[in-house]
Each structure stands twice: as C-alpha cells, then as structure tokens.
PDB file of N, CA and C in Angstrom:
ATOM      1  N   MET A   1      90.725 198.084-368.158  1.00  0.00           N
ATOM      2  CA  MET A   1      90.571 196.686-368.502  1.00  0.00           C
ATOM      3  C   MET A   1      91.214 196.445-369.864  1.00  0.00           C
ATOM      4  N   GLU A   2      91.966 195.398-369.948  1.00  0.00           N
ATOM      5  CA  GLU A   2      92.566 195.012-371.221  1.00  0.00           C
ATOM      6  C   GLU A   2      91.516 194.328-372.096  1.00  0.00           C
ATOM      7  N   GLN A   3      91.636 194.548-373.381  1.00  0.00           N
ATOM      8  CA  GLN A   3      90.733 193.885-374.317  1.00  0.00           C
ATOM      9  C   GLN A   3      90.987 192.380-374.238  1.00  0.00           C
ATOM     10  N   PRO A   4      89.968 191.572-374.028  1.00  0.00           N
ATOM     11  CA  PRO A   4      90.156 190.122-373.911  1.00  0.00           C
ATOM     12  C   PRO A   4      90.664 189.492-375.209  1.00  0.00           C
ATOM     13  N   ASP A   5      91.307 188.341-375.071  1.00  0.00           N
ATOM     14  CA  ASP A   5      91.848 187.625-376.232  1.00  0.00           C
ATOM     15  C   ASP A   5      90.757 187.154-377.186  1.00  0.00           C
ATOM     16  N   TRP A   6      89.556 186.919-376.672  1.00  0.00           N
ATOM     17  CA  TRP A   6      88.494 186.396-377.523  1.00  0.00           C
ATOM     18  C   TRP A   6      87.951 187.430-378.509  1.00  0.00           C
ATOM     19  N   VAL A   7      88.283 188.691-378.328  1.00  0.00           N
ATOM     20  CA  VAL A   7      87.760 189.746-379.200  1.00  0.00           C
ATOM     21  C   VAL A   7      88.371 189.616-380.594  1.00  0.00           C
ATOM     22  N   THR A   8      87.506 189.431-381.582  1.00  0.00           N
ATOM     23  CA  THR A   8      87.965 189.363-382.970  1.00  0.00           C
ATOM     24  C   THR A   8      87.522 190.586-383.765  1.00  0.00           C
ATOM     25  N   ASP A   9      86.486 191.246-383.299  1.00  0.00           N
ATOM     26  CA  ASP A   9      85.976 192.446-383.963  1.00  0.00           C
ATOM     27  C   ASP A   9      86.175 193.630-383.015  1.00  0.00           C
ATOM     28  N   LYS A  10      87.305 194.288-383.167  1.00  0.00           N
ATOM     29  CA  LYS A  10      87.669 195.368-382.246  1.00  0.00           C
ATOM     30  C   LYS A  10      86.682 196.532-382.302  1.00  0.00           C
ATOM     31  N   ALA A  11      86.166 196.837-383.471  1.00  0.00           N
ATOM     32  CA  ALA A  11      85.213 197.943-383.600  1.00  0.00           C
ATOM     33  C   ALA A  11      83.930 197.642-382.823  1.00  0.00           C
ATOM     34  N   SER A  12      83.454 196.424-382.911  1.00  0.00           N
ATOM     35  CA  SER A  12      82.251 196.028-382.179  1.00  0.00           C
ATOM     36  C   SER A  12      82.507 196.056-380.675  1.00  0.00           C
ATOM     37  N   TRP A  13      83.666 195.588-380.254  1.00  0.00           N
ATOM     38  CA  TRP A  13      84.047 195.621-378.835  1.00  0.00           C
ATOM     39  C   TRP A  13      84.022 197.061-378.317  1.00  0.00           C
ATOM     40  N   ARG A  14      84.647 197.961-379.049  1.00  0.00           N
ATOM     41  CA  ARG A  14      84.683 199.368-378.625  1.00  0.00           C
ATOM     42  C   ARG A  14      83.278 199.972-378.595  1.00  0.00           C
ATOM     43  N   LYS A  15      82.450 199.616-379.581  1.00  0.00           N
ATOM     44  CA  LYS A  15      81.073 200.126-379.630  1.00  0.00           C
ATOM     45  C   LYS A  15      80.309 199.712-378.374  1.00  0.00           C
ATOM     46  N   HIS A  16      80.415 198.469-377.975  1.00  0.00           N
ATOM     47  CA  HIS A  16      79.704 197.998-376.789  1.00  0.00           C
ATOM     48  C   HIS A  16      80.288 198.595-375.511  1.00  0.00           C
ATOM     49  N   CYS A  17      81.590 198.800-375.483  1.00  0.00           N
ATOM     50  CA  CYS A  17      82.205 199.491-374.339  1.00  0.00           C
ATOM     51  C   CYS A  17      81.676 200.919-374.244  1.00  0.00           C
ATOM     52  N   ARG A  18      81.584 201.605-375.385  1.00  0.00           N
ATOM     53  CA  ARG A  18      81.048 202.978-375.398  1.00  0.00           C
ATOM     54  C   ARG A  18      79.609 203.007-374.890  1.00  0.00           C
ATOM     55  N   ARG A  19      78.832 202.022-375.275  1.00  0.00           N
ATOM     56  CA  ARG A  19      77.434 201.969-374.832  1.00  0.00           C
ATOM     57  C   ARG A  19      77.338 201.769-373.320  1.00  0.00           C
ATOM     58  N   VAL A  20      78.195 200.907-372.782  1.00  0.00           N
ATOM     59  CA  VAL A  20      78.208 200.720-371.327  1.00  0.00           C
ATOM     60  C   VAL A  20      78.542 202.042-370.649  1.00  0.00           C
ATOM     61  N   VAL A  21      79.597 202.689-371.116  1.00  0.00           N
ATOM     62  CA  VAL A  21      80.022 203.958-370.515  1.00  0.00           C
ATOM     63  C   VAL A  21      78.921 205.011-370.645  1.00  0.00           C
ATOM     64  N   ALA A  22      78.264 205.069-371.784  1.00  0.00           N
ATOM     65  CA  ALA A  22      77.192 206.055-371.988  1.00  0.00           C
ATOM     66  C   ALA A  22      76.019 205.800-371.050  1.00  0.00           C
ATOM     67  N   ARG A  23      75.604 204.541-370.922  1.00  0.00           N
ATOM     68  CA  ARG A  23      74.455 204.229-370.064  1.00  0.00           C
ATOM     69  C   ARG A  23      74.760 204.499-368.599  1.00  0.00           C
ATOM     70  N   VAL A  24      75.936 204.076-368.122  1.00  0.00           N
ATOM     71  CA  VAL A  24      76.239 204.323-366.704  1.00  0.00           C
ATOM     72  C   VAL A  24      76.484 205.805-366.458  1.00  0.00           C
ATOM     73  N   SER A  25      77.011 206.515-367.442  1.00  0.00           N
ATOM     74  CA  SER A  25      77.190 207.964-367.301  1.00  0.00           C
ATOM     75  C   SER A  25      75.843 208.658-367.193  1.00  0.00           C
ATOM     76  N   ASP A  26      74.854 208.185-367.954  1.00  0.00           N
ATOM     77  CA  ASP A  26      73.501 208.738-367.846  1.00  0.00           C
ATOM     78  C   ASP A  26      72.966 208.573-366.427  1.00  0.00           C
ATOM     79  N   LEU A  27      73.209 207.416-365.829  1.00  0.00           N
ATOM     80  CA  LEU A  27      72.761 207.196-364.451  1.00  0.00           C
ATOM     81  C   LEU A  27      73.512 208.110-363.489  1.00  0.00           C
ATOM     82  N   ILE A  28      74.815 208.144-363.605  1.00  0.00           N
ATOM     83  CA  ILE A  28      75.649 208.956-362.718  1.00  0.00           C
ATOM     84  C   ILE A  28      75.263 210.428-362.812  1.00  0.00           C
ATOM     85  N   ASP A  29      74.967 210.897-364.024  1.00  0.00           N
ATOM     86  CA  ASP A  29      74.618 212.307-364.250  1.00  0.00           C
ATOM     87  C   ASP A  29      73.144 212.622-363.974  1.00  0.00           C
ATOM     88  N   GLY A  30      72.373 211.625-363.581  1.00  0.00           N
ATOM     89  CA  GLY A  30      70.962 211.845-363.276  1.00  0.00           C
ATOM     90  C   GLY A  30      70.068 211.941-364.497  1.00  0.00           C
ATOM     91  N   LYS A  31      70.544 211.481-365.647  1.00  0.00           N
ATOM     92  CA  LYS A  31      69.758 211.547-366.883  1.00  0.00           C
ATOM     93  C   LYS A  31      68.930 210.290-367.131  1.00  0.00           C
ATOM     94  N   ALA A  32      69.161 209.245-366.336  1.00  0.00           N
ATOM     95  CA  ALA A  32      68.426 207.988-366.491  1.00  0.00           C
ATOM     96  C   ALA A  32      68.071 207.447-365.114  1.00  0.00           C
ATOM     97  N   SER A  33      66.951 206.760-365.054  1.00  0.00           N
ATOM     98  CA  SER A  33      66.553 206.122-363.801  1.00  0.00           C
ATOM     99  C   SER A  33      67.390 204.862-363.591  1.00  0.00           C
ATOM    100  N   VAL A  34      67.404 204.385-362.370  1.00  0.00           N
ATOM    101  CA  VAL A  34      68.143 203.168-362.040  1.00  0.00           C
ATOM    102  C   VAL A  34      67.625 202.001-362.870  1.00  0.00           C
ATOM    103  N   ILE A  35      66.307 201.852-362.955  1.00  0.00           N
ATOM    104  CA  ILE A  35      65.744 200.714-363.677  1.00  0.00           C
ATOM    105  C   ILE A  35      66.029 200.799-365.171  1.00  0.00           C
ATOM    106  N   GLU A  36      65.952 201.978-365.757  1.00  0.00           N
ATOM    107  CA  GLU A  36      66.249 202.115-367.191  1.00  0.00           C
ATOM    108  C   GLU A  36      67.709 201.772-367.469  1.00  0.00           C
ATOM    109  N   CYS A  37      68.599 202.260-366.635  1.00  0.00           N
ATOM    110  CA  CYS A  37      70.018 201.954-366.800  1.00  0.00           C
ATOM    111  C   CYS A  37      70.245 200.449-366.670  1.00  0.00           C
ATOM    112  N   ALA A  38      69.660 199.841-365.651  1.00  0.00           N
ATOM    113  CA  ALA A  38      69.841 198.404-365.430  1.00  0.00           C
ATOM    114  C   ALA A  38      69.370 197.600-366.637  1.00  0.00           C
ATOM    115  N   ARG A  39      68.234 197.960-367.183  1.00  0.00           N
ATOM    116  CA  ARG A  39      67.710 197.226-368.340  1.00  0.00           C
ATOM    117  C   ARG A  39      68.640 197.328-369.546  1.00  0.00           C
ATOM    118  N   GLU A  40      69.234 198.475-369.743  1.00  0.00           N
ATOM    119  CA  GLU A  40      70.158 198.648-370.869  1.00  0.00           C
ATOM    120  C   GLU A  40      71.482 197.920-370.627  1.00  0.00           C
ATOM    121  N   ILE A  41      71.981 197.976-369.407  1.00  0.00           N
ATOM    122  CA  ILE A  41      73.248 197.320-369.087  1.00  0.00           C
ATOM    123  C   ILE A  41      73.123 195.807-369.238  1.00  0.00           C
ATOM    124  N   VAL A  42      71.995 195.248-368.823  1.00  0.00           N
ATOM    125  CA  VAL A  42      71.781 193.806-368.942  1.00  0.00           C
ATOM    126  C   VAL A  42      71.861 193.366-370.405  1.00  0.00           C
ATOM    127  N   LYS A  43      71.389 194.190-371.305  1.00  0.00           N
ATOM    128  CA  LYS A  43      71.469 193.862-372.736  1.00  0.00           C
ATOM    129  C   LYS A  43      72.916 193.816-373.216  1.00  0.00           C
ATOM    130  N   LEU A  44      73.759 194.621-372.611  1.00  0.00           N
ATOM    131  CA  LEU A  44      75.147 194.730-373.074  1.00  0.00           C
ATOM    132  C   LEU A  44      76.070 193.674-372.481  1.00  0.00           C
ATOM    133  N   GLU A  45      75.727 193.091-371.348  1.00  0.00           N
ATOM    134  CA  GLU A  45      76.630 192.135-370.708  1.00  0.00           C
ATOM    135  C   GLU A  45      76.910 190.931-371.606  1.00  0.00           C
ATOM    136  N   PHE A  46      75.923 190.512-372.378  1.00  0.00           N
ATOM    137  CA  PHE A  46      76.108 189.379-373.290  1.00  0.00           C
ATOM    138  C   PHE A  46      77.201 189.671-374.313  1.00  0.00           C
ATOM    139  N   TRP A  47      77.136 190.851-374.927  1.00  0.00           N
ATOM    140  CA  TRP A  47      78.078 191.202-375.987  1.00  0.00           C
ATOM    141  C   TRP A  47      79.506 191.345-375.480  1.00  0.00           C
ATOM    142  N   LEU A  48      79.638 191.653-374.213  1.00  0.00           N
ATOM    143  CA  LEU A  48      80.966 191.809-373.619  1.00  0.00           C
ATOM    144  C   LEU A  48      81.399 190.557-372.860  1.00  0.00           C
ATOM    145  N   ARG A  49      80.558 189.527-372.908  1.00  0.00           N
ATOM    146  CA  ARG A  49      80.818 188.275-372.190  1.00  0.00           C
ATOM    147  C   ARG A  49      81.152 188.560-370.727  1.00  0.00           C
ATOM    148  N   ALA A  50      80.335 189.381-370.121  1.00  0.00           N
ATOM    149  CA  ALA A  50      80.612 189.853-368.763  1.00  0.00           C
ATOM    150  C   ALA A  50      79.604 189.321-367.747  1.00  0.00           C
ATOM    151  N   GLU A  51      79.015 188.174-368.030  1.00  0.00           N
ATOM    152  CA  GLU A  51      77.980 187.630-367.157  1.00  0.00           C
ATOM    153  C   GLU A  51      78.473 187.346-365.743  1.00  0.00           C
ATOM    154  N   GLU A  52      79.774 187.171-365.563  1.00  0.00           N
ATOM    155  CA  GLU A  52      80.329 186.865-364.239  1.00  0.00           C
ATOM    156  C   GLU A  52      80.846 188.107-363.517  1.00  0.00           C
ATOM    157  N   ASP A  53      80.822 189.248-364.154  1.00  0.00           N
ATOM    158  CA  ASP A  53      81.298 190.492-363.542  1.00  0.00           C
ATOM    159  C   ASP A  53      80.300 190.934-362.470  1.00  0.00           C
ATOM    160  N   SER A  54      80.798 191.244-361.281  1.00  0.00           N
ATOM    161  CA  SER A  54      79.910 191.578-360.160  1.00  0.00           C
ATOM    162  C   SER A  54      79.049 192.815-360.431  1.00  0.00           C
ATOM    163  N   SER A  55      79.555 193.768-361.177  1.00  0.00           N
ATOM    164  CA  SER A  55      78.763 194.969-361.481  1.00  0.00           C
ATOM    165  C   SER A  55      77.621 194.649-362.438  1.00  0.00           C
ATOM    166  N   PHE A  56      77.890 193.820-363.435  1.00  0.00           N
ATOM    167  CA  PHE A  56      76.821 193.393-364.337  1.00  0.00           C
ATOM    168  C   PHE A  56      75.802 192.535-363.586  1.00  0.00           C
ATOM    169  N   ILE A  57      76.289 191.685-362.678  1.00  0.00           N
ATOM    170  CA  ILE A  57      75.388 190.862-361.868  1.00  0.00           C
ATOM    171  C   ILE A  57      74.455 191.753-361.054  1.00  0.00           C
ATOM    172  N   MET A  58      74.992 192.829-360.485  1.00  0.00           N
ATOM    173  CA  MET A  58      74.158 193.739-359.694  1.00  0.00           C
ATOM    174  C   MET A  58      73.084 194.384-360.569  1.00  0.00           C
ATOM    175  N   PHE A  59      73.448 194.825-361.772  1.00  0.00           N
ATOM    176  CA  PHE A  59      72.445 195.422-362.655  1.00  0.00           C
ATOM    177  C   PHE A  59      71.402 194.386-363.082  1.00  0.00           C
ATOM    178  N   ARG A  60      71.807 193.127-363.217  1.00  0.00           N
ATOM    179  CA  ARG A  60      70.845 192.076-363.539  1.00  0.00           C
ATOM    180  C   ARG A  60      69.855 191.895-362.382  1.00  0.00           C
ATOM    181  N   LYS A  61      70.359 191.933-361.147  1.00  0.00           N
ATOM    182  CA  LYS A  61      69.476 191.834-359.973  1.00  0.00           C
ATOM    183  C   LYS A  61      68.491 193.005-359.941  1.00  0.00           C
ATOM    184  N   ILE A  62      68.985 194.189-360.230  1.00  0.00           N
ATOM    185  CA  ILE A  62      68.122 195.378-360.241  1.00  0.00           C
ATOM    186  C   ILE A  62      67.053 195.244-361.324  1.00  0.00           C
ATOM    187  N   SER A  63      67.465 194.815-362.501  1.00  0.00           N
ATOM    188  CA  SER A  63      66.521 194.643-363.607  1.00  0.00           C
ATOM    189  C   SER A  63      65.454 193.615-363.251  1.00  0.00           C
ATOM    190  N   ASP A  64      65.873 192.506-362.663  1.00  0.00           N
ATOM    191  CA  ASP A  64      64.917 191.473-362.259  1.00  0.00           C
ATOM    192  C   ASP A  64      63.949 191.998-361.197  1.00  0.00           C
ATOM    193  N   ALA A  65      64.468 192.762-360.241  1.00  0.00           N
ATOM    194  CA  ALA A  65      63.628 193.301-359.166  1.00  0.00           C
ATOM    195  C   ALA A  65      62.594 194.295-359.699  1.00  0.00           C
ATOM    196  N   GLY A  66      62.920 194.987-360.783  1.00  0.00           N
ATOM    197  CA  GLY A  66      62.013 195.985-361.350  1.00  0.00           C
ATOM    198  C   GLY A  66      61.223 195.487-362.535  1.00  0.00           C
ATOM    199  N   GLU A  67      61.095 194.180-362.652  1.00  0.00           N
ATOM    200  CA  GLU A  67      60.461 193.582-363.821  1.00  0.00           C
ATOM    201  C   GLU A  67      59.070 194.122-364.125  1.00  0.00           C
ATOM    202  N   GLY A  68      58.258 194.397-363.138  1.00  0.00           N
ATOM    203  CA  GLY A  68      56.895 194.856-363.391  1.00  0.00           C
ATOM    204  C   GLY A  68      56.762 196.343-363.663  1.00  0.00           C
ATOM    205  N   LEU A  69      57.851 197.079-363.527  1.00  0.00           N
ATOM    206  CA  LEU A  69      57.785 198.531-363.729  1.00  0.00           C
ATOM    207  C   LEU A  69      57.804 198.873-365.218  1.00  0.00           C
ATOM    208  N   PRO A  70      56.994 199.832-365.633  1.00  0.00           N
ATOM    209  CA  PRO A  70      56.984 200.225-367.047  1.00  0.00           C
ATOM    210  C   PRO A  70      58.227 201.035-367.407  1.00  0.00           C
ATOM    211  N   SER A  71      58.545 201.040-368.681  1.00  0.00           N
ATOM    212  CA  SER A  71      59.689 201.829-369.150  1.00  0.00           C
ATOM    213  C   SER A  71      59.324 203.310-369.175  1.00  0.00           C
ATOM    214  N   ASP A  72      60.350 204.145-369.209  1.00  0.00           N
ATOM    215  CA  ASP A  72      60.117 205.591-369.271  1.00  0.00           C
ATOM    216  C   ASP A  72      59.307 205.964-370.511  1.00  0.00           C
ATOM    217  N   SER A  73      59.669 205.395-371.663  1.00  0.00           N
ATOM    218  CA  SER A  73      58.972 205.747-372.906  1.00  0.00           C
ATOM    219  C   SER A  73      57.522 205.259-372.882  1.00  0.00           C
ATOM    220  N   GLU A  74      57.285 204.116-372.288  1.00  0.00           N
ATOM    221  CA  GLU A  74      55.921 203.592-372.180  1.00  0.00           C
ATOM    222  C   GLU A  74      55.063 204.492-371.288  1.00  0.00           C
ATOM    223  N   ARG A  75      55.614 204.925-370.166  1.00  0.00           N
ATOM    224  CA  ARG A  75      54.886 205.761-369.215  1.00  0.00           C
ATOM    225  C   ARG A  75      54.516 207.117-369.787  1.00  0.00           C
ATOM    226  N   GLN A  76      55.292 207.639-370.695  1.00  0.00           N
ATOM    227  CA  GLN A  76      55.042 208.972-371.242  1.00  0.00           C
ATOM    228  C   GLN A  76      53.708 209.062-371.969  1.00  0.00           C
ATOM    229  N   ARG A  77      53.181 207.940-372.424  1.00  0.00           N
ATOM    230  CA  ARG A  77      51.903 207.927-373.148  1.00  0.00           C
ATOM    231  C   ARG A  77      50.700 207.774-372.222  1.00  0.00           C
ATOM    232  N   TRP A  78      50.945 207.568-370.944  1.00  0.00           N
ATOM    233  CA  TRP A  78      49.855 207.319-370.007  1.00  0.00           C
ATOM    234  C   TRP A  78      49.200 208.610-369.553  1.00  0.00           C
ATOM    235  N   PRO A  79      47.907 208.527-369.146  1.00  0.00           N
ATOM    236  CA  PRO A  79      47.245 209.706-368.580  1.00  0.00           C
ATOM    237  C   PRO A  79      47.920 210.133-367.273  1.00  0.00           C
ATOM    238  N   GLY A  80      47.743 211.373-366.907  1.00  0.00           N
ATOM    239  CA  GLY A  80      48.432 211.983-365.779  1.00  0.00           C
ATOM    240  C   GLY A  80      48.413 211.211-364.479  1.00  0.00           C
ATOM    241  N   GLU A  81      47.232 210.807-364.006  1.00  0.00           N
ATOM    242  CA  GLU A  81      47.148 210.154-362.700  1.00  0.00           C
ATOM    243  C   GLU A  81      47.851 208.801-362.693  1.00  0.00           C
ATOM    244  N   GLU A  82      47.643 208.009-363.728  1.00  0.00           N
ATOM    245  CA  GLU A  82      48.304 206.702-363.814  1.00  0.00           C
ATOM    246  C   GLU A  82      49.817 206.872-363.888  1.00  0.00           C
ATOM    247  N   ARG A  83      50.244 207.829-364.669  1.00  0.00           N
ATOM    248  CA  ARG A  83      51.682 208.095-364.797  1.00  0.00           C
ATOM    249  C   ARG A  83      52.262 208.537-363.458  1.00  0.00           C
ATOM    250  N   ASP A  84      51.533 209.369-362.742  1.00  0.00           N
ATOM    251  CA  ASP A  84      52.003 209.839-361.434  1.00  0.00           C
ATOM    252  C   ASP A  84      52.176 208.680-360.455  1.00  0.00           C
ATOM    253  N   ILE A  85      51.247 207.736-360.479  1.00  0.00           N
ATOM    254  CA  ILE A  85      51.335 206.567-359.598  1.00  0.00           C
ATOM    255  C   ILE A  85      52.580 205.751-359.932  1.00  0.00           C
ATOM    256  N   GLU A  86      52.799 205.501-361.216  1.00  0.00           N
ATOM    257  CA  GLU A  86      53.972 204.726-361.628  1.00  0.00           C
ATOM    258  C   GLU A  86      55.263 205.497-361.382  1.00  0.00           C
ATOM    259  N   ASP A  87      55.232 206.805-361.575  1.00  0.00           N
ATOM    260  CA  ASP A  87      56.418 207.624-361.289  1.00  0.00           C
ATOM    261  C   ASP A  87      56.826 207.483-359.827  1.00  0.00           C
ATOM    262  N   LYS A  88      55.841 207.438-358.947  1.00  0.00           N
ATOM    263  CA  LYS A  88      56.116 207.270-357.510  1.00  0.00           C
ATOM    264  C   LYS A  88      56.742 205.906-357.246  1.00  0.00           C
ATOM    265  N   LYS A  89      56.202 204.863-357.878  1.00  0.00           N
ATOM    266  CA  LYS A  89      56.757 203.515-357.705  1.00  0.00           C
ATOM    267  C   LYS A  89      58.208 203.470-358.179  1.00  0.00           C
ATOM    268  N   ILE A  90      58.465 204.100-359.318  1.00  0.00           N
ATOM    269  CA  ILE A  90      59.821 204.098-359.866  1.00  0.00           C
ATOM    270  C   ILE A  90      60.756 204.920-358.990  1.00  0.00           C
ATOM    271  N   ALA A  91      60.279 206.035-358.485  1.00  0.00           N
ATOM    272  CA  ALA A  91      61.103 206.852-357.586  1.00  0.00           C
ATOM    273  C   ALA A  91      61.450 206.068-356.322  1.00  0.00           C
ATOM    274  N   ASP A  92      60.486 205.340-355.778  1.00  0.00           N
ATOM    275  CA  ASP A  92      60.744 204.508-354.602  1.00  0.00           C
ATOM    276  C   ASP A  92      61.748 203.406-354.928  1.00  0.00           C
ATOM    277  N   PHE A  93      61.564 202.782-356.083  1.00  0.00           N
ATOM    278  CA  PHE A  93      62.477 201.722-356.523  1.00  0.00           C
ATOM    279  C   PHE A  93      63.891 202.282-356.685  1.00  0.00           C
ATOM    280  N   ASP A  94      63.995 203.421-357.361  1.00  0.00           N
ATOM    281  CA  ASP A  94      65.306 204.047-357.558  1.00  0.00           C
ATOM    282  C   ASP A  94      65.965 204.383-356.225  1.00  0.00           C
ATOM    283  N   GLY A  95      65.178 204.881-355.284  1.00  0.00           N
ATOM    284  CA  GLY A  95      65.720 205.199-353.971  1.00  0.00           C
ATOM    285  C   GLY A  95      66.265 203.973-353.262  1.00  0.00           C
ATOM    286  N   GLU A  96      65.564 202.864-353.424  1.00  0.00           N
ATOM    287  CA  GLU A  96      65.970 201.612-352.787  1.00  0.00           C
ATOM    288  C   GLU A  96      67.278 201.069-353.372  1.00  0.00           C
ATOM    289  N   TRP A  97      67.465 201.213-354.672  1.00  0.00           N
ATOM    290  CA  TRP A  97      68.602 200.601-355.359  1.00  0.00           C
ATOM    291  C   TRP A  97      69.710 201.588-355.734  1.00  0.00           C
ATOM    292  N   LYS A  98      69.529 202.856-355.483  1.00  0.00           N
ATOM    293  CA  LYS A  98      70.449 203.875-355.994  1.00  0.00           C
ATOM    294  C   LYS A  98      71.901 203.673-355.559  1.00  0.00           C
ATOM    295  N   ASP A  99      72.139 203.414-354.284  1.00  0.00           N
ATOM    296  CA  ASP A  99      73.517 203.305-353.805  1.00  0.00           C
ATOM    297  C   ASP A  99      74.276 202.163-354.472  1.00  0.00           C
ATOM    298  N   VAL A 100      73.654 200.981-354.540  1.00  0.00           N
ATOM    299  CA  VAL A 100      74.347 199.849-355.160  1.00  0.00           C
ATOM    300  C   VAL A 100      74.470 200.046-356.668  1.00  0.00           C
ATOM    301  N   ALA A 101      73.468 200.674-357.279  1.00  0.00           N
ATOM    302  CA  ALA A 101      73.534 200.944-358.722  1.00  0.00           C
ATOM    303  C   ALA A 101      74.652 201.936-359.035  1.00  0.00           C
ATOM    304  N   MET A 102      74.789 202.965-358.222  1.00  0.00           N
ATOM    305  CA  MET A 102      75.855 203.952-358.444  1.00  0.00           C
ATOM    306  C   MET A 102      77.232 203.311-358.292  1.00  0.00           C
ATOM    307  N   ALA A 103      77.392 202.467-357.289  1.00  0.00           N
ATOM    308  CA  ALA A 103      78.677 201.787-357.100  1.00  0.00           C
ATOM    309  C   ALA A 103      78.998 200.909-358.307  1.00  0.00           C
ATOM    310  N   ALA A 104      78.008 200.173-358.793  1.00  0.00           N
ATOM    311  CA  ALA A 104      78.211 199.323-359.968  1.00  0.00           C
ATOM    312  C   ALA A 104      78.484 200.172-361.208  1.00  0.00           C
ATOM    313  N   ALA A 105      77.779 201.288-361.343  1.00  0.00           N
ATOM    314  CA  ALA A 105      77.965 202.179-362.494  1.00  0.00           C
ATOM    315  C   ALA A 105      79.373 202.767-362.505  1.00  0.00           C
ATOM    316  N   LEU A 106      79.828 203.223-361.364  1.00  0.00           N
ATOM    317  CA  LEU A 106      81.180 203.792-361.285  1.00  0.00           C
ATOM    318  C   LEU A 106      82.233 202.740-361.612  1.00  0.00           C
ATOM    319  N   SER A 107      82.020 201.527-361.145  1.00  0.00           N
ATOM    320  CA  SER A 107      82.942 200.432-361.435  1.00  0.00           C
ATOM    321  C   SER A 107      82.998 200.137-362.935  1.00  0.00           C
ATOM    322  N   LEU A 108      81.828 200.056-363.572  1.00  0.00           N
ATOM    323  CA  LEU A 108      81.794 199.779-365.013  1.00  0.00           C
ATOM    324  C   LEU A 108      82.390 200.927-365.819  1.00  0.00           C
ATOM    325  N   LYS A 109      82.120 202.143-365.401  1.00  0.00           N
ATOM    326  CA  LYS A 109      82.679 203.294-366.121  1.00  0.00           C
ATOM    327  C   LYS A 109      84.200 203.255-366.071  1.00  0.00           C
ATOM    328  N   GLU A 110      84.737 203.012-364.895  1.00  0.00           N
ATOM    329  CA  GLU A 110      86.192 202.941-364.749  1.00  0.00           C
ATOM    330  C   GLU A 110      86.774 201.794-365.573  1.00  0.00           C
ATOM    331  N   LYS A 111      86.076 200.676-365.588  1.00  0.00           N
ATOM    332  CA  LYS A 111      86.566 199.483-366.269  1.00  0.00           C
ATOM    333  C   LYS A 111      86.540 199.623-367.792  1.00  0.00           C
ATOM    334  N   TYR A 112      85.502 200.265-368.332  1.00  0.00           N
ATOM    335  CA  TYR A 112      85.310 200.263-369.782  1.00  0.00           C
ATOM    336  C   TYR A 112      85.630 201.567-370.493  1.00  0.00           C
ATOM    337  N   GLU A 113      85.770 202.682-369.795  1.00  0.00           N
ATOM    338  CA  GLU A 113      85.949 203.936-370.525  1.00  0.00           C
ATOM    339  C   GLU A 113      87.277 204.013-371.261  1.00  0.00           C
ATOM    340  N   ASN A 114      88.301 203.333-370.814  1.00  0.00           N
ATOM    341  CA  ASN A 114      89.567 203.370-371.548  1.00  0.00           C
ATOM    342  C   ASN A 114      89.520 202.510-372.807  1.00  0.00           C
ATOM    343  N   GLN A 115      88.462 201.720-372.983  1.00  0.00           N
ATOM    344  CA  GLN A 115      88.313 200.881-374.172  1.00  0.00           C
ATOM    345  C   GLN A 115      87.567 201.592-375.296  1.00  0.00           C
ATOM    346  N   THR A 116      87.024 202.771-375.019  1.00  0.00           N
ATOM    347  CA  THR A 116      86.162 203.423-375.998  1.00  0.00           C
ATOM    348  C   THR A 116      86.920 204.064-377.148  1.00  0.00           C
ATOM    349  N   SER A 117      88.199 204.304-376.977  1.00  0.00           N
ATOM    350  CA  SER A 117      88.942 204.958-378.059  1.00  0.00           C
ATOM    351  C   SER A 117      90.202 204.206-378.453  1.00  0.00           C
ATOM    352  N   SER A 118      90.472 203.098-377.788  1.00  0.00           N
ATOM    353  CA  SER A 118      91.700 202.335-378.074  1.00  0.00           C
ATOM    354  C   SER A 118      91.658 201.689-379.424  1.00  0.00           C
TER     355      SER A 118
END
C-alpha cells in the first residue's frame, strides 16, 4: 500500500502500520486471541483512516460481537472456575470467528508490512 497523500507525520504513520502488523502477526502466530486482536485493530483503524477498509470492518464486527467478553488481562485475576468458564466462552468465540479473522489479518499484514520501514 502506498502512503496516502494525507499523511503529514510519516513517523506516526509508520508507527501505526507497525502496530497493525504486530497485532495481526500475534493472531496469525497464535499469540493472541481473535477478540484481543480485534479490539486492538479497531483502535488503530482511526489513526490510519481505514474505516472503509473491508479488513478493518471485519475486525470491528468481531469486536462488536465479543463486546461482553472480558479481556485476557482482566481474566487473569479471576478465580479458577470463573476463569475456566470465560476461557471456554472465548475459545468458542475464537472458533466461530477464526477463519474470517485470519483472512482479514493476512490482508492487513500484506497491506501494511511494507510501510513499517519505508
């Protein structure tokens, strides 16, 4: 992807591109859950003015669908049984959304990784 004409702060643009690539790479490599990745990607779409990009739209849908699920860091403080119940819900959610999330992640990685060092 070419850097858009509206970019005035190239360092900030590259930083946000790197963050997108890092978050989707975490998902692709199995280091992040689908919902955690979606929540982080949604935060970045604003900075990249990518609200109309189909991959960002998909992550927004995933984030909205998982609205009631706790974050990974929040769950770590919970007692064992409660955490196990939520872990199951998140695993089910991830299973439901994994294929579309992976497709969107691969698309974003391809689109933004060449911007991380330019």
